[in-house]
C-alpha atoms as a PDB file:
ATOM      1  CA  MET A   1      40.517  12.812   0.481  1.00  0.00           C
ATOM      2  CA  THR A   2      37.663  10.377   0.932  1.00  0.00           C
ATOM      3  CA  THR A   3      36.745   9.549   4.521  1.00  0.00           C
ATOM      4  CA  ARG A   4      35.990   6.077   5.817  1.00  0.00           C
ATOM      5  CA  ARG A   5      32.335   7.040   6.282  1.00  0.00           C
ATOM      6  CA  GLU A   6      32.044   8.139   2.644  1.00  0.00           C
ATOM      7  CA  VAL A   7      33.600   4.883   1.430  1.00  0.00           C
ATOM      8  CA  LEU A   8      31.103   2.883   3.502  1.00  0.00           C
ATOM      9  CA  GLN A   9      28.206   4.959   2.172  1.00  0.00           C
ATOM     10  CA  ILE A  10      29.351   4.469  -1.423  1.00  0.00           C
ATOM     11  CA  GLY A  11      29.640   0.734  -0.812  1.00  0.00           C
ATOM     12  CA  ALA A  12      26.171   0.561   0.734  1.00  0.00           C
ATOM     13  CA  TRP A  13      24.594   2.468  -2.163  1.00  0.00           C
ATOM     14  CA  THR A  14      26.396   0.279  -4.691  1.00  0.00           C
ATOM     15  CA  ALA A  15      25.199  -2.912  -2.994  1.00  0.00           C
ATOM     16  CA  ALA A  16      21.635  -1.582  -2.739  1.00  0.00           C
ATOM     17  CA  GLY A  17      21.680  -0.608  -6.421  1.00  0.00           C
ATOM     18  CA  ALA A  18      22.866  -4.052  -7.424  1.00  0.00           C
ATOM     19  CA  ALA A  19      20.211  -5.819  -5.324  1.00  0.00           C
ATOM     20  CA  ALA A  20      17.284  -3.583  -6.342  1.00  0.00           C
ATOM     21  CA  PRO A  21      16.460  -5.222  -9.726  1.00  0.00           C
ATOM     22  CA  ALA A  22      16.305  -8.683  -8.133  1.00  0.00           C
ATOM     23  CA  VAL A  23      14.046  -7.448  -5.336  1.00  0.00           C
ATOM     24  CA  LEU A  24      11.761  -5.576  -7.723  1.00  0.00           C
ATOM     25  CA  ALA A  25      11.489  -8.578 -10.037  1.00  0.00           C
ATOM     26  CA  THR A  26      10.060 -10.857  -7.346  1.00  0.00           C
ATOM     27  CA  ARG A  27       6.279 -10.982  -7.073  1.00  0.00           C
ATOM     28  CA  ALA A  28       5.106 -10.372  -3.529  1.00  0.00           C
ATOM     29  CA  PRO A  29       1.713 -11.757  -2.534  1.00  0.00           C
ATOM     30  CA  PRO A  30      -1.012  -9.084  -2.474  1.00  0.00           C
ATOM     31  CA  LYS A  31      -1.504  -7.291   0.811  1.00  0.00           C
ATOM     32  CA  THR A  32      -5.034  -6.887   2.141  1.00  0.00           C
ATOM     33  CA  ILE A  33      -6.532  -4.227   4.377  1.00  0.00           C
ATOM     34  CA  LEU A  34      -9.958  -3.944   6.018  1.00  0.00           C
ATOM     35  CA  VAL A  35     -11.317  -0.416   6.371  1.00  0.00           C
ATOM     36  CA  LEU A  36     -14.094   0.019   8.904  1.00  0.00           C
ATOM     37  CA  GLY A  37     -16.505   2.511   7.410  1.00  0.00           C
ATOM     38  CA  GLY A  38     -14.716   3.486   4.254  1.00  0.00           C
ATOM     39  CA  THR A  39     -17.312   5.764   2.686  1.00  0.00           C
ATOM     40  CA  GLY A  40     -17.156   8.676   5.139  1.00  0.00           C
ATOM     41  CA  PHE A  41     -14.756  11.570   5.591  1.00  0.00           C
ATOM     42  CA  ILE A  42     -11.331   9.893   5.395  1.00  0.00           C
ATOM     43  CA  GLY A  43     -12.234   6.442   4.053  1.00  0.00           C
ATOM     44  CA  PRO A  44     -12.125   7.209   0.311  1.00  0.00           C
ATOM     45  CA  HIS A  45      -8.720   8.892   0.639  1.00  0.00           C
ATOM     46  CA  LEU A  46      -7.320   6.011   2.689  1.00  0.00           C
ATOM     47  CA  THR A  47      -8.739   3.536   0.172  1.00  0.00           C
ATOM     48  CA  GLN A  48      -7.226   5.368  -2.792  1.00  0.00           C
ATOM     49  CA  GLU A  49      -3.770   5.505  -1.219  1.00  0.00           C
ATOM     50  CA  ALA A  50      -3.918   1.846  -0.184  1.00  0.00           C
ATOM     51  CA  GLN A  51      -4.859   0.794  -3.719  1.00  0.00           C
ATOM     52  CA  ARG A  52      -2.071   2.939  -5.148  1.00  0.00           C
ATOM     53  CA  GLY A  53       0.323   1.071  -2.849  1.00  0.00           C
ATOM     54  CA  GLY A  54      -0.843  -2.305  -4.176  1.00  0.00           C
ATOM     55  CA  TRP A  55      -3.215  -3.266  -1.348  1.00  0.00           C
ATOM     56  CA  GLU A  56      -6.490  -5.136  -1.846  1.00  0.00           C
ATOM     57  CA  VAL A  57      -9.121  -3.158   0.072  1.00  0.00           C
ATOM     58  CA  THR A  58     -12.322  -4.353   1.743  1.00  0.00           C
ATOM     59  CA  HIS A  59     -14.817  -1.981   3.362  1.00  0.00           C
ATOM     60  CA  PHE A  60     -17.052  -3.035   6.243  1.00  0.00           C
ATOM     61  CA  ASN A  61     -19.813  -0.521   6.886  1.00  0.00           C
ATOM     62  CA  ARG A  62     -23.470  -0.021   7.782  1.00  0.00           C
ATOM     63  CA  GLY A  63     -24.461   0.761   4.192  1.00  0.00           C
ATOM     64  CA  LYS A  64     -25.868   4.200   5.025  1.00  0.00           C
ATOM     65  CA  ARG A  65     -23.605   6.086   2.591  1.00  0.00           C
ATOM     66  CA  ALA A  66     -22.572   5.045  -0.911  1.00  0.00           C
ATOM     67  CA  ALA A  67     -24.773   1.970  -0.845  1.00  0.00           C
ATOM     68  CA  GLY A  68     -23.103   0.645  -3.982  1.00  0.00           C
ATOM     69  CA  GLY A  69     -19.702   0.949  -2.358  1.00  0.00           C
ATOM     70  CA  VAL A  70     -16.545   2.225  -3.983  1.00  0.00           C
ATOM     71  CA  ALA A  71     -15.480   0.976  -7.409  1.00  0.00           C
ATOM     72  CA  GLY A  72     -12.854  -1.761  -7.216  1.00  0.00           C
ATOM     73  CA  VAL A  73     -13.425  -2.380  -3.510  1.00  0.00           C
ATOM     74  CA  GLU A  74     -15.136  -5.346  -1.910  1.00  0.00           C
ATOM     75  CA  THR A  75     -17.851  -4.057   0.431  1.00  0.00           C
ATOM     76  CA  LYS A  76     -19.426  -5.927   3.333  1.00  0.00           C
ATOM     77  CA  HIS A  77     -22.482  -4.489   5.038  1.00  0.00           C
ATOM     78  CA  GLN A  78     -23.509  -4.925   8.641  1.00  0.00           C
ATOM     79  CA  ALA A  79     -26.627  -7.078   8.834  1.00  0.00           C
END
């Protein structure tokens, strides 16, 4: 016998499955993130994951490491 909770769960999953193609088809505006530093210990990993998630990444740093910046990332240097 199916419980009320199971029926509600099945209904929720069915509704979510029906709505998913419409949600995925819409184009969301690009998200942007500013990473302070960005070329040190954790910055490259954070940048890579953000780009994989569809974020546009900008680094703001002192320009002491990786003077050319990271490929595919806008870099601003402190004056």
